[in-house]
Amino acid sequence: MTQKRRRSAFTLIELLVVIAIIAILVGFLLPAVQWVREAANRTQCTNNLKQIGLALLHYAEDKGALPPSRMQNGSATWAVLIFPYLEQEHLYRQWNFNVPYDQQLALARQKPLPIYFCPTRRYSDSAPTLSIAGDESILADGTLGPNYPGALGDYAVNIGTSGADGLHDL
């Protein structure tokens, strides 16, 4: 009598089928992971805008008006003026509001703040955080001087169609 041997291992075909099924399941899972990551980025972006909006409202409550897009002497923008309301008092103290932007300390001009970046818009951590051109000073002969790059941000203000937003000094 011949005895039939039992198989105890997978055949090559069975192994390939299992690997194909796992690959298909991973293929379904990756878009879901990316969707969750993007939803978290959108939430972070929304939270940044909420914090900036609250800072603008607190500034307006303290000063009686919203901050100007830029101070009249060209020293600081709205983004700098609301630093104290974003818990950035130490950086706010680095600014000298009596001198133009091009004479500010590089530390003050070039410090990027995460709250001003939307993770959805930033494609990677290696995205630039400093402007390429920056502000240019006007020399005594009327020509443009060197560029003074500053920290970037993904959010901006709108001053309407008149071109004036009540520029003022502190």
C-alpha atoms as a PDB file:
ATOM      1  CA  MET A   1       0.000   0.000   0.000  1.00  0.00           C
ATOM      2  CA  THR A   2       1.281   3.417  -0.864  1.00  0.00           C
ATOM      3  CA  GLN A   3       0.866   6.172   1.591  1.00  0.00           C
ATOM      4  CA  LYS A   4       0.015   9.658   0.370  1.00  0.00           C
ATOM      5  CA  ARG A   5       2.271  12.422   1.660  1.00  0.00           C
ATOM      6  CA  ARG A   6       0.657  15.541   3.095  1.00  0.00           C
ATOM      7  CA  ARG A   7       1.897  18.915   1.995  1.00  0.00           C
ATOM      8  CA  SER A   8       3.017  21.180   4.830  1.00  0.00           C
ATOM      9  CA  ALA A   9       4.199  24.282   2.955  1.00  0.00           C
ATOM     10  CA  PHE A  10       2.866  26.873   0.520  1.00  0.00           C
ATOM     11  CA  THR A  11       3.462  26.435  -3.139  1.00  0.00           C
ATOM     12  CA  LEU A  12       5.024  29.269  -5.086  1.00  0.00           C
ATOM     13  CA  ILE A  13       1.659  30.173  -6.632  1.00  0.00           C
ATOM     14  CA  GLU A  14      -0.049  30.366  -3.241  1.00  0.00           C
ATOM     15  CA  LEU A  15       2.726  32.568  -1.908  1.00  0.00           C
ATOM     16  CA  LEU A  16       2.447  34.959  -4.883  1.00  0.00           C
ATOM     17  CA  VAL A  17      -1.334  35.180  -4.440  1.00  0.00           C
ATOM     18  CA  VAL A  18      -0.923  36.091  -0.755  1.00  0.00           C
ATOM     19  CA  ILE A  19       1.666  38.758  -1.611  1.00  0.00           C
ATOM     20  CA  ALA A  20      -0.630  40.181  -4.316  1.00  0.00           C
ATOM     21  CA  ILE A  21      -3.551  40.375  -1.863  1.00  0.00           C
ATOM     22  CA  ILE A  22      -1.379  42.173   0.709  1.00  0.00           C
ATOM     23  CA  ALA A  23      -0.160  44.618  -1.973  1.00  0.00           C
ATOM     24  CA  ILE A  24      -3.751  45.410  -2.973  1.00  0.00           C
ATOM     25  CA  LEU A  25      -4.725  46.016   0.669  1.00  0.00           C
ATOM     26  CA  VAL A  26      -1.738  48.336   1.170  1.00  0.00           C
ATOM     27  CA  GLY A  27      -2.717  50.128  -2.041  1.00  0.00           C
ATOM     28  CA  PHE A  28      -6.151  50.794  -0.552  1.00  0.00           C
ATOM     29  CA  LEU A  29      -4.667  51.892   2.770  1.00  0.00           C
ATOM     30  CA  LEU A  30      -2.120  54.486   1.540  1.00  0.00           C
ATOM     31  CA  PRO A  31      -4.667  56.991   0.155  1.00  0.00           C
ATOM     32  CA  ALA A  32      -6.562  56.787   3.436  1.00  0.00           C
ATOM     33  CA  VAL A  33      -3.386  57.601   5.376  1.00  0.00           C
ATOM     34  CA  GLN A  34      -2.666  60.549   3.067  1.00  0.00           C
ATOM     35  CA  TRP A  35      -6.248  61.776   3.461  1.00  0.00           C
ATOM     36  CA  VAL A  36      -5.926  61.686   7.270  1.00  0.00           C
ATOM     37  CA  ARG A  37      -2.587  63.529   7.103  1.00  0.00           C
ATOM     38  CA  GLU A  38      -4.072  66.227   4.860  1.00  0.00           C
ATOM     39  CA  ALA A  39      -7.083  66.582   7.166  1.00  0.00           C
ATOM     40  CA  ALA A  40      -4.687  67.151  10.085  1.00  0.00           C
ATOM     41  CA  ASN A  41      -2.795  69.759   8.025  1.00  0.00           C
ATOM     42  CA  ARG A  42      -6.050  71.562   7.183  1.00  0.00           C
ATOM     43  CA  THR A  43      -6.986  71.568  10.856  1.00  0.00           C
ATOM     44  CA  GLN A  44      -3.581  73.044  11.768  1.00  0.00           C
ATOM     45  CA  CYS A  45      -3.953  75.708   9.067  1.00  0.00           C
ATOM     46  CA  THR A  46      -7.433  76.589  10.337  1.00  0.00           C
ATOM     47  CA  ASN A  47      -6.100  76.812  13.884  1.00  0.00           C
ATOM     48  CA  ASN A  48      -3.277  79.124  12.745  1.00  0.00           C
ATOM     49  CA  LEU A  49      -5.793  81.447  11.087  1.00  0.00           C
ATOM     50  CA  LYS A  50      -7.976  81.386  14.194  1.00  0.00           C
ATOM     51  CA  GLN A  51      -5.020  82.326  16.416  1.00  0.00           C
ATOM     52  CA  ILE A  52      -3.995  85.128  14.039  1.00  0.00           C
ATOM     53  CA  GLY A  53      -7.593  86.383  13.933  1.00  0.00           C
ATOM     54  CA  LEU A  54      -7.798  86.405  17.719  1.00  0.00           C
ATOM     55  CA  ALA A  55      -4.471  88.249  17.923  1.00  0.00           C
ATOM     56  CA  LEU A  56      -5.790  90.868  15.473  1.00  0.00           C
ATOM     57  CA  LEU A  57      -8.955  91.293  17.544  1.00  0.00           C
ATOM     58  CA  HIS A  58      -6.979  91.662  20.791  1.00  0.00           C
ATOM     59  CA  TYR A  59      -4.721  94.215  19.102  1.00  0.00           C
ATOM     60  CA  ALA A  60      -7.797  96.147  17.919  1.00  0.00           C
ATOM     61  CA  GLU A  61      -9.311  95.989  21.394  1.00  0.00           C
ATOM     62  CA  ASP A  62      -6.128  97.378  22.968  1.00  0.00           C
ATOM     63  CA  LYS A  63      -5.292 100.005  20.309  1.00  0.00           C
ATOM     64  CA  GLY A  64      -8.748 100.948  19.060  1.00  0.00           C
ATOM     65  CA  ALA A  65      -8.073  99.889  15.450  1.00  0.00           C
ATOM     66  CA  LEU A  66      -6.743  96.973  13.476  1.00  0.00           C
ATOM     67  CA  PRO A  67      -2.999  97.067  12.826  1.00  0.00           C
ATOM     68  CA  PRO A  68      -1.860  98.728   9.596  1.00  0.00           C
ATOM     69  CA  SER A  69      -0.483  96.581   6.815  1.00  0.00           C
ATOM     70  CA  ARG A  70       2.821  98.412   7.383  1.00  0.00           C
ATOM     71  CA  MET A  71       3.881 101.232   9.680  1.00  0.00           C
ATOM     72  CA  GLN A  72       4.361 104.625   8.056  1.00  0.00           C
ATOM     73  CA  ASN A  73       8.126 104.675   8.604  1.00  0.00           C
ATOM     74  CA  GLY A  74       8.414 101.214   7.011  1.00  0.00           C
ATOM     75  CA  SER A  75       9.692  99.517  10.138  1.00  0.00           C
ATOM     76  CA  ALA A  76       7.156  96.756  10.760  1.00  0.00           C
ATOM     77  CA  THR A  77       4.114  95.059   9.291  1.00  0.00           C
ATOM     78  CA  TRP A  78       0.903  93.813  10.860  1.00  0.00           C
ATOM     79  CA  ALA A  79       2.579  90.434  11.403  1.00  0.00           C
ATOM     80  CA  VAL A  80       5.143  92.031  13.748  1.00  0.00           C
ATOM     81  CA  LEU A  81       2.644  94.273  15.526  1.00  0.00           C
ATOM     82  CA  ILE A  82       0.575  91.296  16.704  1.00  0.00           C
ATOM     83  CA  PHE A  83       3.564  89.336  18.094  1.00  0.00           C
ATOM     84  CA  PRO A  84       2.646  90.080  21.730  1.00  0.00           C
ATOM     85  CA  TYR A  85      -0.803  88.599  21.135  1.00  0.00           C
ATOM     86  CA  LEU A  86       0.744  85.437  19.682  1.00  0.00           C
ATOM     87  CA  GLU A  87       2.955  84.896  22.741  1.00  0.00           C
ATOM     88  CA  GLN A  88       6.008  86.222  20.869  1.00  0.00           C
ATOM     89  CA  GLU A  89       6.852  89.091  23.215  1.00  0.00           C
ATOM     90  CA  HIS A  90      10.576  88.262  23.124  1.00  0.00           C
ATOM     91  CA  LEU A  91      10.656  88.653  19.331  1.00  0.00           C
ATOM     92  CA  TYR A  92       8.510  91.797  19.483  1.00  0.00           C
ATOM     93  CA  ARG A  93      11.127  93.387  21.775  1.00  0.00           C
ATOM     94  CA  GLN A  94      13.807  92.742  19.124  1.00  0.00           C
ATOM     95  CA  TRP A  95      12.143  95.244  16.750  1.00  0.00           C
ATOM     96  CA  ASN A  96      13.132  98.897  16.806  1.00  0.00           C
ATOM     97  CA  PHE A  97      10.029 100.723  15.600  1.00  0.00           C
ATOM     98  CA  ASN A  98      11.977 103.968  15.106  1.00  0.00           C
ATOM     99  CA  VAL A  99      14.080 102.672  12.210  1.00  0.00           C
ATOM    100  CA  PRO A 100      13.092 101.281   8.789  1.00  0.00           C
ATOM    101  CA  TYR A 101      12.938  97.592   7.980  1.00  0.00           C
ATOM    102  CA  ASP A 102      16.361  97.502   6.334  1.00  0.00           C
ATOM    103  CA  GLN A 103      17.992  98.654   9.593  1.00  0.00           C
ATOM    104  CA  GLN A 104      16.361  96.008  11.799  1.00  0.00           C
ATOM    105  CA  LEU A 105      18.447  93.252  13.365  1.00  0.00           C
ATOM    106  CA  ALA A 106      18.683  90.182  11.127  1.00  0.00           C
ATOM    107  CA  LEU A 107      17.448  88.099  14.084  1.00  0.00           C
ATOM    108  CA  ALA A 108      14.236  90.117  14.215  1.00  0.00           C
ATOM    109  CA  ARG A 109      13.702  90.206  10.423  1.00  0.00           C
ATOM    110  CA  GLN A 110      14.533  86.592   9.652  1.00  0.00           C
ATOM    111  CA  LYS A 111      12.939  84.599  12.488  1.00  0.00           C
ATOM    112  CA  PRO A 112      10.261  82.368  10.890  1.00  0.00           C
ATOM    113  CA  LEU A 113       7.254  81.612  13.072  1.00  0.00           C
ATOM    114  CA  PRO A 114       5.408  78.309  12.539  1.00  0.00           C
ATOM    115  CA  ILE A 115       2.043  79.988  13.102  1.00  0.00           C
ATOM    116  CA  TYR A 116       2.544  81.984   9.878  1.00  0.00           C
ATOM    117  CA  PHE A 117       2.957  78.795   7.795  1.00  0.00           C
ATOM    118  CA  CYS A 118       0.124  76.595   6.571  1.00  0.00           C
ATOM    119  CA  PRO A 119       1.288  72.951   6.535  1.00  0.00           C
ATOM    120  CA  THR A 120      -1.020  72.243   3.595  1.00  0.00           C
ATOM    121  CA  ARG A 121       0.728  74.855   1.454  1.00  0.00           C
ATOM    122  CA  ARG A 122       4.250  73.909   2.511  1.00  0.00           C
ATOM    123  CA  TYR A 123       5.222  70.858   0.537  1.00  0.00           C
ATOM    124  CA  SER A 124       8.203  69.932   2.691  1.00  0.00           C
ATOM    125  CA  ASP A 125      10.259  71.019   5.643  1.00  0.00           C
ATOM    126  CA  SER A 126      12.923  72.145   3.188  1.00  0.00           C
ATOM    127  CA  ALA A 127      10.642  74.850   1.727  1.00  0.00           C
ATOM    128  CA  PRO A 128      12.209  78.321   2.017  1.00  0.00           C
ATOM    129  CA  THR A 129      11.424  80.369   5.117  1.00  0.00           C
ATOM    130  CA  LEU A 130      13.171  83.573   3.973  1.00  0.00           C
ATOM    131  CA  SER A 131      12.224  85.859   1.122  1.00  0.00           C
ATOM    132  CA  ILE A 132      14.559  85.876  -1.846  1.00  0.00           C
ATOM    133  CA  ALA A 133      14.356  89.584  -2.595  1.00  0.00           C
ATOM    134  CA  GLY A 134      13.361  91.206   0.675  1.00  0.00           C
ATOM    135  CA  ASP A 135      12.958  94.932   1.020  1.00  0.00           C
ATOM    136  CA  GLU A 136      15.361  97.206  -0.793  1.00  0.00           C
ATOM    137  CA  SER A 137      16.629 100.375   0.762  1.00  0.00           C
ATOM    138  CA  ILE A 138      16.625 103.582  -1.285  1.00  0.00           C
ATOM    139  CA  LEU A 139      20.059 105.145  -1.394  1.00  0.00           C
ATOM    140  CA  ALA A 140      20.764 108.895  -1.195  1.00  0.00           C
ATOM    141  CA  ASP A 141      21.097 109.108  -4.987  1.00  0.00           C
ATOM    142  CA  GLY A 142      17.614 107.585  -5.431  1.00  0.00           C
ATOM    143  CA  THR A 143      18.807 104.178  -6.599  1.00  0.00           C
ATOM    144  CA  LEU A 144      17.858 100.934  -4.939  1.00  0.00           C
ATOM    145  CA  GLY A 145      20.281  99.507  -2.420  1.00  0.00           C
ATOM    146  CA  PRO A 146      20.821  95.907  -1.366  1.00  0.00           C
ATOM    147  CA  ASN A 147      18.014  93.477  -0.563  1.00  0.00           C
ATOM    148  CA  TYR A 148      17.154  92.731   3.047  1.00  0.00           C
ATOM    149  CA  PRO A 149      15.422  89.340   3.170  1.00  0.00           C
ATOM    150  CA  GLY A 150      12.934  88.619   5.891  1.00  0.00           C
ATOM    151  CA  ALA A 151      10.869  85.749   7.216  1.00  0.00           C
ATOM    152  CA  LEU A 152       8.113  84.485   4.977  1.00  0.00           C
ATOM    153  CA  GLY A 153       4.521  83.635   5.822  1.00  0.00           C
ATOM    154  CA  ASP A 154       1.597  82.063   4.019  1.00  0.00           C
ATOM    155  CA  TYR A 155      -1.002  84.577   5.198  1.00  0.00           C
ATOM    156  CA  ALA A 156      -1.528  88.174   4.114  1.00  0.00           C
ATOM    157  CA  VAL A 157      -3.808  91.121   4.797  1.00  0.00           C
ATOM    158  CA  ASN A 158      -6.121  92.885   2.405  1.00  0.00           C
ATOM    159  CA  ILE A 159      -6.334  96.656   2.619  1.00  0.00           C
ATOM    160  CA  GLY A 160      -9.165  97.033   0.131  1.00  0.00           C
ATOM    161  CA  THR A 161      -9.235  98.978  -3.112  1.00  0.00           C
ATOM    162  CA  SER A 162      -8.263 102.433  -1.843  1.00  0.00           C
ATOM    163  CA  GLY A 163      -4.623 101.483  -1.241  1.00  0.00           C
ATOM    164  CA  ALA A 164      -4.622 103.083   2.183  1.00  0.00           C
ATOM    165  CA  ASP A 165      -5.209 101.311   5.445  1.00  0.00           C
ATOM    166  CA  GLY A 166      -4.542 104.057   7.944  1.00  0.00           C
ATOM    167  CA  LEU A 167      -0.769 103.673   8.160  1.00  0.00           C
ATOM    168  CA  HIS A 168       0.427 104.988  11.492  1.00  0.00           C
ATOM    169  CA  ASP A 169       3.298 104.925  13.913  1.00  0.00           C
ATOM    170  CA  LEU A 170       3.203 103.487  17.405  1.00  0.00           C
END
